[in-house]
């Protein structure tokens, strides 16, 4: 494995492929269901008493980030955290993941192992098992080194009903921390830009933060979203449209790190439209806003949480931003692709 590269033979189903699975994937993804090397893994969603309590949820995603390794994360960590977070945004407890790898001929095996090791570490951090996988190899030039596809299964506890259409007039809008870190890290690292303050991706599994929120406010938590592609602004627009409500957001209340502001100004980007991979938007019943905010700030991933606005009955489907000058402007969904290949 050391010093080698992916060959077409690694995807042939023969000796090289078996060695890749045994010596790399199984060594890092140490799970009994995966180790049996069946065509499908048997899993259980029931508790120790054999009861299945809650709603099963399923998600899938694909990861094509460039560069593959960046400050604060890499494609492997991103694949696990992104899938775990999609489950967590429904209030689910993530249980199982699958991982499919598209490998380009010539990919350094050291890069693959680094990404796989990172996936294993992120899975342990999130408390989720990787129980099935697949590998395909394409000719040189047929991909971009390494693509990862994942699927995730989770269980939503009884009584939890979190969905994109759940926002109601009077609800508070909270964000778990500073926005724009991930997207600006990818862009500046790709372009070789440097700033006095270090930019670092916020890539992290958010299921623990969601559990803390649910414990604090329970059914008062109406909607959760992780503002990935399209950033905070697009995410708020999606929720407003799905819920049939309006929103008023205070620009001064939105946390943004100084390095992100500087990079955004230099590159001509709006940080409200830049991707995040370790932040969430929570829509909470108004009377529970302070309790939700306190629960978020007590968690390591929510220390910079802020209340940024309110849900209103006026201008349904529209998000209005109260600017630093006291005027209002409309936040639209991102048009086109501001920052390609960020997740």
C-alpha atoms as a PDB file:
ATOM      1  CA  UNK A   1       0.000   0.000   0.000  1.00  0.00           C
ATOM      2  CA  UNK A   2       2.777   2.434   0.902  1.00  0.00           C
ATOM      3  CA  UNK A   3       3.816   4.684  -1.970  1.00  0.00           C
ATOM      4  CA  UNK A   4       1.447   3.006  -4.405  1.00  0.00           C
ATOM      5  CA  UNK A   5      -1.331   4.310  -6.613  1.00  0.00           C
ATOM      6  CA  UNK A   6      -4.755   3.141  -7.642  1.00  0.00           C
ATOM      7  CA  UNK A   7      -4.642   0.831 -10.657  1.00  0.00           C
ATOM      8  CA  UNK A   8      -7.477  -0.241 -12.908  1.00  0.00           C
ATOM      9  CA  UNK A   9      -6.930  -3.694 -11.443  1.00  0.00           C
ATOM     10  CA  UNK A  10      -8.139  -2.428  -8.068  1.00  0.00           C
ATOM     11  CA  UNK A  11     -11.615  -2.280  -9.579  1.00  0.00           C
ATOM     12  CA  UNK A  12     -11.560  -5.630 -11.353  1.00  0.00           C
ATOM     13  CA  UNK A  13     -12.927  -7.713  -8.481  1.00  0.00           C
ATOM     14  CA  UNK A  14      -9.731  -9.759  -8.373  1.00  0.00           C
ATOM     15  CA  UNK A  15      -6.750  -9.979  -6.074  1.00  0.00           C
ATOM     16  CA  UNK A  16      -5.892  -6.262  -6.088  1.00  0.00           C
ATOM     17  CA  UNK A  17      -9.445  -5.297  -5.248  1.00  0.00           C
ATOM     18  CA  UNK A  18      -9.640  -7.802  -2.396  1.00  0.00           C
ATOM     19  CA  UNK A  19      -6.339  -6.531  -1.013  1.00  0.00           C
ATOM     20  CA  UNK A  20      -7.618  -2.933  -1.151  1.00  0.00           C
ATOM     21  CA  UNK A  21     -10.752  -3.851   0.776  1.00  0.00           C
ATOM     22  CA  UNK A  22      -8.903  -5.986   3.334  1.00  0.00           C
ATOM     23  CA  UNK A  23      -5.799  -3.871   3.880  1.00  0.00           C
ATOM     24  CA  UNK A  24      -7.343  -0.396   3.721  1.00  0.00           C
ATOM     25  CA  UNK A  25     -11.115  -0.211   4.115  1.00  0.00           C
ATOM     26  CA  UNK A  26     -11.622  -2.995   6.651  1.00  0.00           C
ATOM     27  CA  UNK A  27      -8.563  -1.903   8.621  1.00  0.00           C
ATOM     28  CA  UNK A  28     -10.095   1.531   9.218  1.00  0.00           C
ATOM     29  CA  UNK A  29     -13.826   0.751   9.072  1.00  0.00           C
ATOM     30  CA  UNK A  30     -13.740  -1.830  11.835  1.00  0.00           C
ATOM     31  CA  UNK A  31     -17.351  -2.971  11.940  1.00  0.00           C
ATOM     32  CA  UNK A  32     -18.566  -6.573  12.210  1.00  0.00           C
ATOM     33  CA  UNK A  33     -21.346  -6.076   9.652  1.00  0.00           C
ATOM     34  CA  UNK A  34     -18.840  -4.780   7.104  1.00  0.00           C
ATOM     35  CA  UNK A  35     -16.208  -7.396   7.943  1.00  0.00           C
ATOM     36  CA  UNK A  36     -18.534 -10.224   6.878  1.00  0.00           C
ATOM     37  CA  UNK A  37     -18.176  -8.982   3.275  1.00  0.00           C
ATOM     38  CA  UNK A  38     -21.716  -9.878   2.290  1.00  0.00           C
ATOM     39  CA  UNK A  39     -23.473  -8.225  -0.646  1.00  0.00           C
ATOM     40  CA  UNK A  40     -25.798  -6.576   1.891  1.00  0.00           C
ATOM     41  CA  UNK A  41     -25.438  -5.980   5.622  1.00  0.00           C
ATOM     42  CA  UNK A  42     -28.004  -6.982   8.197  1.00  0.00           C
ATOM     43  CA  UNK A  43     -28.712  -4.214  10.703  1.00  0.00           C
ATOM     44  CA  UNK A  44     -31.221  -3.616  13.481  1.00  0.00           C
ATOM     45  CA  UNK A  45     -33.211  -0.485  14.251  1.00  0.00           C
ATOM     46  CA  UNK A  46     -34.857  -1.969  17.340  1.00  0.00           C
ATOM     47  CA  UNK A  47     -33.746  -1.431  20.905  1.00  0.00           C
ATOM     48  CA  UNK A  48     -32.479  -4.182  23.200  1.00  0.00           C
ATOM     49  CA  UNK A  49     -36.058  -5.244  23.959  1.00  0.00           C
ATOM     50  CA  UNK A  50     -36.783  -5.674  20.260  1.00  0.00           C
ATOM     51  CA  UNK A  51     -38.972  -2.573  20.010  1.00  0.00           C
ATOM     52  CA  UNK A  52     -38.841  -0.114  17.126  1.00  0.00           C
ATOM     53  CA  UNK A  53     -39.890   3.244  18.503  1.00  0.00           C
ATOM     54  CA  UNK A  54     -39.715   6.180  16.168  1.00  0.00           C
ATOM     55  CA  UNK A  55     -39.645   7.025  12.481  1.00  0.00           C
ATOM     56  CA  UNK A  56     -36.891   5.666  10.223  1.00  0.00           C
ATOM     57  CA  UNK A  57     -35.304   8.313   7.978  1.00  0.00           C
ATOM     58  CA  UNK A  58     -32.921   7.797   5.059  1.00  0.00           C
ATOM     59  CA  UNK A  59     -30.630  10.184   3.210  1.00  0.00           C
ATOM     60  CA  UNK A  60     -27.963  10.026   0.507  1.00  0.00           C
ATOM     61  CA  UNK A  61     -25.299  12.431  -0.731  1.00  0.00           C
ATOM     62  CA  UNK A  62     -22.184  12.627  -2.907  1.00  0.00           C
ATOM     63  CA  UNK A  63     -18.942  14.491  -2.230  1.00  0.00           C
ATOM     64  CA  UNK A  64     -16.654  15.932  -4.886  1.00  0.00           C
ATOM     65  CA  UNK A  65     -14.763  18.664  -3.027  1.00  0.00           C
ATOM     66  CA  UNK A  66     -11.598  20.182  -4.455  1.00  0.00           C
ATOM     67  CA  UNK A  67      -9.040  20.323  -2.902  1.00  0.00           C
ATOM     68  CA  UNK A  68      -9.580  16.998  -1.169  1.00  0.00           C
ATOM     69  CA  UNK A  69      -7.678  18.119   1.953  1.00  0.00           C
ATOM     70  CA  UNK A  70      -8.098  21.552   3.500  1.00  0.00           C
ATOM     71  CA  UNK A  71      -7.690  23.287   6.884  1.00  0.00           C
ATOM     72  CA  UNK A  72     -10.247  21.856   9.276  1.00  0.00           C
ATOM     73  CA  UNK A  73     -11.209  18.810   7.250  1.00  0.00           C
ATOM     74  CA  UNK A  74     -11.060  16.741   4.090  1.00  0.00           C
ATOM     75  CA  UNK A  75     -13.362  14.878   1.718  1.00  0.00           C
ATOM     76  CA  UNK A  76     -13.606  11.904   4.092  1.00  0.00           C
ATOM     77  CA  UNK A  77     -14.645  13.896   7.150  1.00  0.00           C
ATOM     78  CA  UNK A  78     -16.989  15.939   4.968  1.00  0.00           C
ATOM     79  CA  UNK A  79     -18.711  12.799   3.671  1.00  0.00           C
ATOM     80  CA  UNK A  80     -19.496  11.503   7.157  1.00  0.00           C
ATOM     81  CA  UNK A  81     -20.406  14.846   8.723  1.00  0.00           C
ATOM     82  CA  UNK A  82     -22.586  15.908   5.801  1.00  0.00           C
ATOM     83  CA  UNK A  83     -24.614  12.708   5.892  1.00  0.00           C
ATOM     84  CA  UNK A  84     -24.900  12.645   9.685  1.00  0.00           C
ATOM     85  CA  UNK A  85     -26.054  16.258   9.633  1.00  0.00           C
ATOM     86  CA  UNK A  86     -28.747  15.610   7.040  1.00  0.00           C
ATOM     87  CA  UNK A  87     -30.206  12.974   9.375  1.00  0.00           C
ATOM     88  CA  UNK A  88     -29.820  15.201  12.419  1.00  0.00           C
ATOM     89  CA  UNK A  89     -31.751  18.018  10.716  1.00  0.00           C
ATOM     90  CA  UNK A  90     -34.835  15.803  10.983  1.00  0.00           C
ATOM     91  CA  UNK A  91     -34.154  15.282  14.687  1.00  0.00           C
ATOM     92  CA  UNK A  92     -32.912  11.751  13.993  1.00  0.00           C
ATOM     93  CA  UNK A  93     -30.285   9.796  15.847  1.00  0.00           C
ATOM     94  CA  UNK A  94     -27.876   8.681  13.088  1.00  0.00           C
ATOM     95  CA  UNK A  95     -27.246   4.930  13.208  1.00  0.00           C
ATOM     96  CA  UNK A  96     -25.727   3.561  10.006  1.00  0.00           C
ATOM     97  CA  UNK A  97     -23.842   4.825   6.972  1.00  0.00           C
ATOM     98  CA  UNK A  98     -22.803   3.287   3.684  1.00  0.00           C
ATOM     99  CA  UNK A  99     -19.842   4.526   1.660  1.00  0.00           C
ATOM    100  CA  UNK A 100     -19.211   4.214  -2.069  1.00  0.00           C
ATOM    101  CA  UNK A 101     -15.889   5.270  -3.593  1.00  0.00           C
ATOM    102  CA  UNK A 102     -15.207   6.306  -7.196  1.00  0.00           C
ATOM    103  CA  UNK A 103     -11.418   6.129  -7.595  1.00  0.00           C
ATOM    104  CA  UNK A 104      -9.472   7.458 -10.551  1.00  0.00           C
ATOM    105  CA  UNK A 105      -6.561   5.442 -11.874  1.00  0.00           C
ATOM    106  CA  UNK A 106      -3.370   7.016 -10.514  1.00  0.00           C
ATOM    107  CA  UNK A 107      -4.822   8.277  -7.237  1.00  0.00           C
ATOM    108  CA  UNK A 108      -2.115   7.947  -4.554  1.00  0.00           C
ATOM    109  CA  UNK A 109      -3.058   5.215  -2.118  1.00  0.00           C
ATOM    110  CA  UNK A 110      -1.802   7.463   0.672  1.00  0.00           C
ATOM    111  CA  UNK A 111      -4.476  10.038  -0.220  1.00  0.00           C
ATOM    112  CA  UNK A 112      -7.164   7.371  -0.208  1.00  0.00           C
ATOM    113  CA  UNK A 113      -6.029   6.026   3.144  1.00  0.00           C
ATOM    114  CA  UNK A 114      -5.916   9.512   4.630  1.00  0.00           C
ATOM    115  CA  UNK A 115      -9.527  10.130   3.560  1.00  0.00           C
ATOM    116  CA  UNK A 116     -10.693   6.728   4.797  1.00  0.00           C
ATOM    117  CA  UNK A 117      -8.968   7.209   8.150  1.00  0.00           C
ATOM    118  CA  UNK A 118     -10.675  10.584   8.474  1.00  0.00           C
ATOM    119  CA  UNK A 119     -14.050   9.001   7.722  1.00  0.00           C
ATOM    120  CA  UNK A 120     -13.507   6.411  10.435  1.00  0.00           C
ATOM    121  CA  UNK A 121     -12.562   9.082  12.979  1.00  0.00           C
ATOM    122  CA  UNK A 122     -15.577  11.239  12.097  1.00  0.00           C
ATOM    123  CA  UNK A 123     -17.897   8.230  12.356  1.00  0.00           C
ATOM    124  CA  UNK A 124     -16.601   7.483  15.856  1.00  0.00           C
ATOM    125  CA  UNK A 125     -17.046  11.145  16.793  1.00  0.00           C
ATOM    126  CA  UNK A 126     -20.657  11.073  15.605  1.00  0.00           C
ATOM    127  CA  UNK A 127     -21.388   7.650  17.100  1.00  0.00           C
ATOM    128  CA  UNK A 128     -22.449   6.164  13.772  1.00  0.00           C
ATOM    129  CA  UNK A 129     -21.452   2.864  12.111  1.00  0.00           C
ATOM    130  CA  UNK A 130     -20.234   2.415   8.521  1.00  0.00           C
ATOM    131  CA  UNK A 131     -21.760  -0.958   7.648  1.00  0.00           C
ATOM    132  CA  UNK A 132     -21.602  -1.301   3.850  1.00  0.00           C
ATOM    133  CA  UNK A 133     -19.515  -0.001   0.983  1.00  0.00           C
ATOM    134  CA  UNK A 134     -18.505  -0.245  -2.648  1.00  0.00           C
ATOM    135  CA  UNK A 135     -15.496   0.694  -4.764  1.00  0.00           C
ATOM    136  CA  UNK A 136     -15.265   1.473  -8.468  1.00  0.00           C
ATOM    137  CA  UNK A 137     -12.156   2.448 -10.438  1.00  0.00           C
ATOM    138  CA  UNK A 138     -12.274   4.564 -13.605  1.00  0.00           C
ATOM    139  CA  UNK A 139      -9.556   5.306 -16.149  1.00  0.00           C
ATOM    140  CA  UNK A 140      -7.167   8.204 -15.652  1.00  0.00           C
ATOM    141  CA  UNK A 141      -9.035  11.373 -16.597  1.00  0.00           C
ATOM    142  CA  UNK A 142     -12.421   9.749 -16.007  1.00  0.00           C
ATOM    143  CA  UNK A 143     -12.943  11.408 -12.616  1.00  0.00           C
ATOM    144  CA  UNK A 144     -11.132  13.867 -10.372  1.00  0.00           C
ATOM    145  CA  UNK A 145      -9.144  11.553  -8.157  1.00  0.00           C
ATOM    146  CA  UNK A 146     -11.722  10.614  -5.554  1.00  0.00           C
ATOM    147  CA  UNK A 147     -15.486  10.911  -5.257  1.00  0.00           C
ATOM    148  CA  UNK A 148     -17.438   9.552  -2.280  1.00  0.00           C
ATOM    149  CA  UNK A 149     -21.124   8.669  -2.148  1.00  0.00           C
ATOM    150  CA  UNK A 150     -22.857   7.974   1.148  1.00  0.00           C
ATOM    151  CA  UNK A 151     -26.231   6.898   2.445  1.00  0.00           C
ATOM    152  CA  UNK A 152     -27.382   7.253   6.025  1.00  0.00           C
ATOM    153  CA  UNK A 153     -30.109   5.719   8.184  1.00  0.00           C
ATOM    154  CA  UNK A 154     -31.396   7.259  11.403  1.00  0.00           C
ATOM    155  CA  UNK A 155     -34.264   7.011  13.846  1.00  0.00           C
ATOM    156  CA  UNK A 156     -36.444   9.962  14.838  1.00  0.00           C
ATOM    157  CA  UNK A 157     -37.698   9.585  18.440  1.00  0.00           C
ATOM    158  CA  UNK A 158     -41.451   9.524  19.079  1.00  0.00           C
ATOM    159  CA  UNK A 159     -42.934  12.991  19.451  1.00  0.00           C
ATOM    160  CA  UNK A 160     -40.247  14.735  17.375  1.00  0.00           C
ATOM    161  CA  UNK A 161     -41.660  16.421  14.268  1.00  0.00           C
ATOM    162  CA  UNK A 162     -39.026  18.622  12.635  1.00  0.00           C
ATOM    163  CA  UNK A 163     -39.429  19.566   8.988  1.00  0.00           C
ATOM    164  CA  UNK A 164     -38.853  22.398   6.548  1.00  0.00           C
ATOM    165  CA  UNK A 165     -42.498  23.463   6.536  1.00  0.00           C
ATOM    166  CA  UNK A 166     -42.637  23.826  10.320  1.00  0.00           C
ATOM    167  CA  UNK A 167     -41.826  27.540  10.758  1.00  0.00           C
ATOM    168  CA  UNK A 168     -44.682  29.617  12.192  1.00  0.00           C
ATOM    169  CA  UNK A 169     -45.212  33.362  12.693  1.00  0.00           C
ATOM    170  CA  UNK A 170     -43.722  34.410  16.007  1.00  0.00           C
ATOM    171  CA  UNK A 171     -40.945  31.813  15.889  1.00  0.00           C
ATOM    172  CA  UNK A 172     -37.354  32.811  16.574  1.00  0.00           C
ATOM    173  CA  UNK A 173     -34.573  32.202  14.052  1.00  0.00           C
ATOM    174  CA  UNK A 174     -31.264  31.035  15.528  1.00  0.00           C
ATOM    175  CA  UNK A 175     -27.944  30.102  13.976  1.00  0.00           C
ATOM    176  CA  UNK A 176     -25.454  27.929  15.852  1.00  0.00           C
ATOM    177  CA  UNK A 177     -22.374  29.990  15.036  1.00  0.00           C
ATOM    178  CA  UNK A 178     -20.404  32.092  12.579  1.00  0.00           C
ATOM    179  CA  UNK A 179     -21.246  31.506   8.919  1.00  0.00           C
ATOM    180  CA  UNK A 180     -19.124  31.211   5.780  1.00  0.00           C
ATOM    181  CA  UNK A 181     -16.071  29.495   7.269  1.00  0.00           C
ATOM    182  CA  UNK A 182     -16.154  26.324   5.161  1.00  0.00           C
ATOM    183  CA  UNK A 183     -16.740  27.865   1.745  1.00  0.00           C
ATOM    184  CA  UNK A 184     -14.178  30.632   2.185  1.00  0.00           C
ATOM    185  CA  UNK A 185     -11.613  28.129   3.483  1.00  0.00           C
ATOM    186  CA  UNK A 186     -12.027  26.013   0.346  1.00  0.00           C
ATOM    187  CA  UNK A 187     -11.862  29.003  -1.981  1.00  0.00           C
ATOM    188  CA  UNK A 188      -8.819  30.667  -0.398  1.00  0.00           C
ATOM    189  CA  UNK A 189      -6.942  27.376   0.012  1.00  0.00           C
ATOM    190  CA  UNK A 190      -7.606  26.557  -3.626  1.00  0.00           C
ATOM    191  CA  UNK A 191      -6.368  29.949  -4.769  1.00  0.00           C
ATOM    192  CA  UNK A 192      -3.367  30.008  -2.422  1.00  0.00           C
ATOM    193  CA  UNK A 193      -4.511  33.110  -0.555  1.00  0.00           C
ATOM    194  CA  UNK A 194      -3.370  33.844   2.997  1.00  0.00           C
ATOM    195  CA  UNK A 195      -4.753  36.135   5.701  1.00  0.00           C
ATOM    196  CA  UNK A 196      -3.572  37.289   9.109  1.00  0.00           C
ATOM    197  CA  UNK A 197      -6.334  35.241  10.748  1.00  0.00           C
ATOM    198  CA  UNK A 198      -6.396  31.590   9.766  1.00  0.00           C
ATOM    199  CA  UNK A 199      -9.450  30.389   7.891  1.00  0.00           C
ATOM    200  CA  UNK A 200     -10.577  26.886   8.815  1.00  0.00           C
ATOM    201  CA  UNK A 201     -13.552  24.764   7.797  1.00  0.00           C
ATOM    202  CA  UNK A 202     -16.278  24.274  10.398  1.00  0.00           C
ATOM    203  CA  UNK A 203     -16.884  20.671   9.240  1.00  0.00           C
ATOM    204  CA  UNK A 204     -18.408  18.784  12.210  1.00  0.00           C
ATOM    205  CA  UNK A 205     -21.190  16.313  13.071  1.00  0.00           C
ATOM    206  CA  UNK A 206     -24.134  18.201  14.541  1.00  0.00           C
ATOM    207  CA  UNK A 207     -26.200  15.355  16.001  1.00  0.00           C
ATOM    208  CA  UNK A 208     -24.966  16.029  19.542  1.00  0.00           C
ATOM    209  CA  UNK A 209     -25.955  19.692  19.285  1.00  0.00           C
ATOM    210  CA  UNK A 210     -29.398  18.705  18.007  1.00  0.00           C
ATOM    211  CA  UNK A 211     -29.838  16.303  20.923  1.00  0.00           C
ATOM    212  CA  UNK A 212     -29.013  19.140  23.323  1.00  0.00           C
ATOM    213  CA  UNK A 213     -31.582  21.381  21.624  1.00  0.00           C
ATOM    214  CA  UNK A 214     -34.283  18.735  21.774  1.00  0.00           C
ATOM    215  CA  UNK A 215     -33.554  18.107  25.443  1.00  0.00           C
ATOM    216  CA  UNK A 216     -33.912  21.821  26.165  1.00  0.00           C
ATOM    217  CA  UNK A 217     -37.011  22.793  24.175  1.00  0.00           C
ATOM    218  CA  UNK A 218     -38.573  19.560  22.853  1.00  0.00           C
ATOM    219  CA  UNK A 219     -41.590  20.143  20.564  1.00  0.00           C
ATOM    220  CA  UNK A 220     -40.873  23.885  20.502  1.00  0.00           C
ATOM    221  CA  UNK A 221     -38.116  23.085  17.987  1.00  0.00           C
ATOM    222  CA  UNK A 222     -39.991  23.381  14.687  1.00  0.00           C
ATOM    223  CA  UNK A 223     -37.370  23.394  11.915  1.00  0.00           C
ATOM    224  CA  UNK A 224     -33.684  22.561  11.512  1.00  0.00           C
ATOM    225  CA  UNK A 225     -31.470  23.015   8.465  1.00  0.00           C
ATOM    226  CA  UNK A 226     -27.731  22.971   7.887  1.00  0.00           C
ATOM    227  CA  UNK A 227     -26.894  25.881   5.556  1.00  0.00           C
ATOM    228  CA  UNK A 228     -24.552  24.110   3.149  1.00  0.00           C
ATOM    229  CA  UNK A 229     -24.619  25.002  -0.563  1.00  0.00           C
ATOM    230  CA  UNK A 230     -26.192  28.427  -1.010  1.00  0.00           C
ATOM    231  CA  UNK A 231     -25.342  29.397   2.549  1.00  0.00           C
ATOM    232  CA  UNK A 232     -27.525  30.949   5.227  1.00  0.00           C
ATOM    233  CA  UNK A 233     -29.484  33.196   2.872  1.00  0.00           C
ATOM    234  CA  UNK A 234     -30.602  30.399   0.545  1.00  0.00           C
ATOM    235  CA  UNK A 235     -31.481  28.149   3.492  1.00  0.00           C
ATOM    236  CA  UNK A 236     -33.727  30.816   5.030  1.00  0.00           C
ATOM    237  CA  UNK A 237     -35.406  31.366   1.654  1.00  0.00           C
ATOM    238  CA  UNK A 238     -36.080  27.623   1.357  1.00  0.00           C
ATOM    239  CA  UNK A 239     -37.665  27.464   4.817  1.00  0.00           C
ATOM    240  CA  UNK A 240     -39.770  30.577   4.219  1.00  0.00           C
ATOM    241  CA  UNK A 241     -41.054  29.156   0.941  1.00  0.00           C
ATOM    242  CA  UNK A 242     -41.775  25.690   2.344  1.00  0.00           C
ATOM    243  CA  UNK A 243     -43.516  27.071   5.435  1.00  0.00           C
ATOM    244  CA  UNK A 244     -45.420  29.843   3.660  1.00  0.00           C
ATOM    245  CA  UNK A 245     -44.136  32.510   6.045  1.00  0.00           C
ATOM    246  CA  UNK A 246     -42.023  35.638   5.924  1.00  0.00           C
ATOM    247  CA  UNK A 247     -38.807  36.310   7.814  1.00  0.00           C
ATOM    248  CA  UNK A 248     -37.028  39.395   9.090  1.00  0.00           C
ATOM    249  CA  UNK A 249     -33.330  38.922   9.843  1.00  0.00           C
ATOM    250  CA  UNK A 250     -30.962  41.398  11.499  1.00  0.00           C
ATOM    251  CA  UNK A 251     -27.628  41.638   9.660  1.00  0.00           C
ATOM    252  CA  UNK A 252     -25.876  42.956  12.768  1.00  0.00           C
ATOM    253  CA  UNK A 253     -26.862  39.812  14.718  1.00  0.00           C
ATOM    254  CA  UNK A 254     -25.417  37.316  12.237  1.00  0.00           C
ATOM    255  CA  UNK A 255     -22.008  36.090  13.500  1.00  0.00           C
ATOM    256  CA  UNK A 256     -19.256  36.260  10.867  1.00  0.00           C
ATOM    257  CA  UNK A 257     -15.560  35.874  11.625  1.00  0.00           C
ATOM    258  CA  UNK A 258     -13.258  38.744  10.651  1.00  0.00           C
ATOM    259  CA  UNK A 259     -11.193  36.503   8.351  1.00  0.00           C
ATOM    260  CA  UNK A 260     -14.344  35.487   6.485  1.00  0.00           C
ATOM    261  CA  UNK A 261     -15.370  39.131   6.084  1.00  0.00           C
ATOM    262  CA  UNK A 262     -11.924  40.020   4.758  1.00  0.00           C
ATOM    263  CA  UNK A 263     -11.814  37.118   2.318  1.00  0.00           C
ATOM    264  CA  UNK A 264     -15.360  37.830   1.145  1.00  0.00           C
ATOM    265  CA  UNK A 265     -14.537  41.457   0.428  1.00  0.00           C
ATOM    266  CA  UNK A 266     -11.368  40.498  -1.428  1.00  0.00           C
ATOM    267  CA  UNK A 267     -13.153  37.892  -3.564  1.00  0.00           C
ATOM    268  CA  UNK A 268     -16.359  39.862  -4.058  1.00  0.00           C
ATOM    269  CA  UNK A 269     -18.508  37.288  -2.242  1.00  0.00           C
ATOM    270  CA  UNK A 270     -21.400  37.659   0.170  1.00  0.00           C
ATOM    271  CA  UNK A 271     -20.721  35.449   3.233  1.00  0.00           C
ATOM    272  CA  UNK A 272     -24.472  34.917   3.665  1.00  0.00           C
ATOM    273  CA  UNK A 273     -24.382  32.821   0.479  1.00  0.00           C
ATOM    274  CA  UNK A 274     -21.224  30.855   1.301  1.00  0.00           C
ATOM    275  CA  UNK A 275     -21.414  27.192   2.343  1.00  0.00           C
ATOM    276  CA  UNK A 276     -21.143  25.909   5.902  1.00  0.00           C
ATOM    277  CA  UNK A 277     -20.561  22.315   7.027  1.00  0.00           C
ATOM    278  CA  UNK A 278     -20.800  22.573  10.815  1.00  0.00           C
ATOM    279  CA  UNK A 279     -23.569  25.078  11.471  1.00  0.00           C
ATOM    280  CA  UNK A 280     -27.340  24.794  11.752  1.00  0.00           C
ATOM    281  CA  UNK A 281     -30.350  27.062  11.546  1.00  0.00           C
ATOM    282  CA  UNK A 282     -32.993  26.416  14.204  1.00  0.00           C
ATOM    283  CA  UNK A 283     -36.540  27.759  14.065  1.00  0.00           C
ATOM    284  CA  UNK A 284     -37.965  27.716  17.594  1.00  0.00           C
ATOM    285  CA  UNK A 285     -41.249  28.843  19.143  1.00  0.00           C
ATOM    286  CA  UNK A 286     -40.717  32.413  20.336  1.00  0.00           C
ATOM    287  CA  UNK A 287     -41.142  31.836  24.105  1.00  0.00           C
ATOM    288  CA  UNK A 288     -38.440  29.144  23.988  1.00  0.00           C
ATOM    289  CA  UNK A 289     -35.824  31.199  22.138  1.00  0.00           C
ATOM    290  CA  UNK A 290     -33.674  31.985  25.172  1.00  0.00           C
ATOM    291  CA  UNK A 291     -33.727  28.376  26.390  1.00  0.00           C
ATOM    292  CA  UNK A 292     -32.708  27.159  22.939  1.00  0.00           C
ATOM    293  CA  UNK A 293     -29.947  29.756  22.710  1.00  0.00           C
ATOM    294  CA  UNK A 294     -28.599  28.793  26.142  1.00  0.00           C
ATOM    295  CA  UNK A 295     -28.578  25.095  25.196  1.00  0.00           C
ATOM    296  CA  UNK A 296     -26.689  25.804  21.993  1.00  0.00           C
ATOM    297  CA  UNK A 297     -24.105  28.024  23.671  1.00  0.00           C
ATOM    298  CA  UNK A 298     -23.483  25.357  26.311  1.00  0.00           C
ATOM    299  CA  UNK A 299     -22.442  22.895  23.584  1.00  0.00           C
ATOM    300  CA  UNK A 300     -18.920  23.064  22.058  1.00  0.00           C
ATOM    301  CA  UNK A 301     -20.361  23.448  18.545  1.00  0.00           C
ATOM    302  CA  UNK A 302     -22.747  26.230  19.537  1.00  0.00           C
ATOM    303  CA  UNK A 303     -20.619  28.626  21.565  1.00  0.00           C
ATOM    304  CA  UNK A 304     -21.170  31.445  19.042  1.00  0.00           C
ATOM    305  CA  UNK A 305     -24.897  30.803  18.610  1.00  0.00           C
ATOM    306  CA  UNK A 306     -27.068  33.853  18.018  1.00  0.00           C
ATOM    307  CA  UNK A 307     -30.700  34.848  17.656  1.00  0.00           C
ATOM    308  CA  UNK A 308     -30.762  36.525  14.248  1.00  0.00           C
ATOM    309  CA  UNK A 309     -34.426  37.188  13.459  1.00  0.00           C
ATOM    310  CA  UNK A 310     -38.094  36.334  13.613  1.00  0.00           C
ATOM    311  CA  UNK A 311     -40.686  34.559  11.512  1.00  0.00           C
ATOM    312  CA  UNK A 312     -43.572  36.824  10.469  1.00  0.00           C
ATOM    313  CA  UNK A 313     -46.912  36.390   8.750  1.00  0.00           C
ATOM    314  CA  UNK A 314     -46.260  39.225   6.262  1.00  0.00           C
ATOM    315  CA  UNK A 315     -44.557  38.837   2.845  1.00  0.00           C
ATOM    316  CA  UNK A 316     -44.909  35.034   2.810  1.00  0.00           C
ATOM    317  CA  UNK A 317     -42.021  33.214   1.150  1.00  0.00           C
ATOM    318  CA  UNK A 318     -39.738  36.241   1.416  1.00  0.00           C
ATOM    319  CA  UNK A 319     -36.754  36.925   3.683  1.00  0.00           C
ATOM    320  CA  UNK A 320     -36.018  40.573   4.518  1.00  0.00           C
ATOM    321  CA  UNK A 321     -32.605  41.568   5.862  1.00  0.00           C
ATOM    322  CA  UNK A 322     -32.387  44.577   8.161  1.00  0.00           C
ATOM    323  CA  UNK A 323     -29.029  46.020   7.094  1.00  0.00           C
ATOM    324  CA  UNK A 324     -26.341  47.716   9.155  1.00  0.00           C
ATOM    325  CA  UNK A 325     -27.731  51.063   7.927  1.00  0.00           C
ATOM    326  CA  UNK A 326     -31.210  50.288   9.225  1.00  0.00           C
ATOM    327  CA  UNK A 327     -32.710  49.765   5.774  1.00  0.00           C
ATOM    328  CA  UNK A 328     -34.169  46.517   4.455  1.00  0.00           C
ATOM    329  CA  UNK A 329     -33.230  44.421   1.441  1.00  0.00           C
ATOM    330  CA  UNK A 330     -34.609  41.150   0.142  1.00  0.00           C
ATOM    331  CA  UNK A 331     -32.501  38.011   0.425  1.00  0.00           C
ATOM    332  CA  UNK A 332     -33.035  35.820  -2.636  1.00  0.00           C
ATOM    333  CA  UNK A 333     -31.894  32.271  -3.234  1.00  0.00           C
ATOM    334  CA  UNK A 334     -28.423  31.934  -4.701  1.00  0.00           C
ATOM    335  CA  UNK A 335     -28.600  32.286  -8.485  1.00  0.00           C
ATOM    336  CA  UNK A 336     -26.052  30.137 -10.293  1.00  0.00           C
ATOM    337  CA  UNK A 337     -22.987  28.723  -8.591  1.00  0.00           C
ATOM    338  CA  UNK A 338     -21.033  31.156  -6.437  1.00  0.00           C
ATOM    339  CA  UNK A 339     -18.434  28.666  -5.292  1.00  0.00           C
ATOM    340  CA  UNK A 340     -18.132  25.385  -7.240  1.00  0.00           C
ATOM    341  CA  UNK A 341     -16.954  22.103  -5.767  1.00  0.00           C
ATOM    342  CA  UNK A 342     -17.308  22.897  -2.064  1.00  0.00           C
ATOM    343  CA  UNK A 343     -19.012  19.710  -0.899  1.00  0.00           C
END
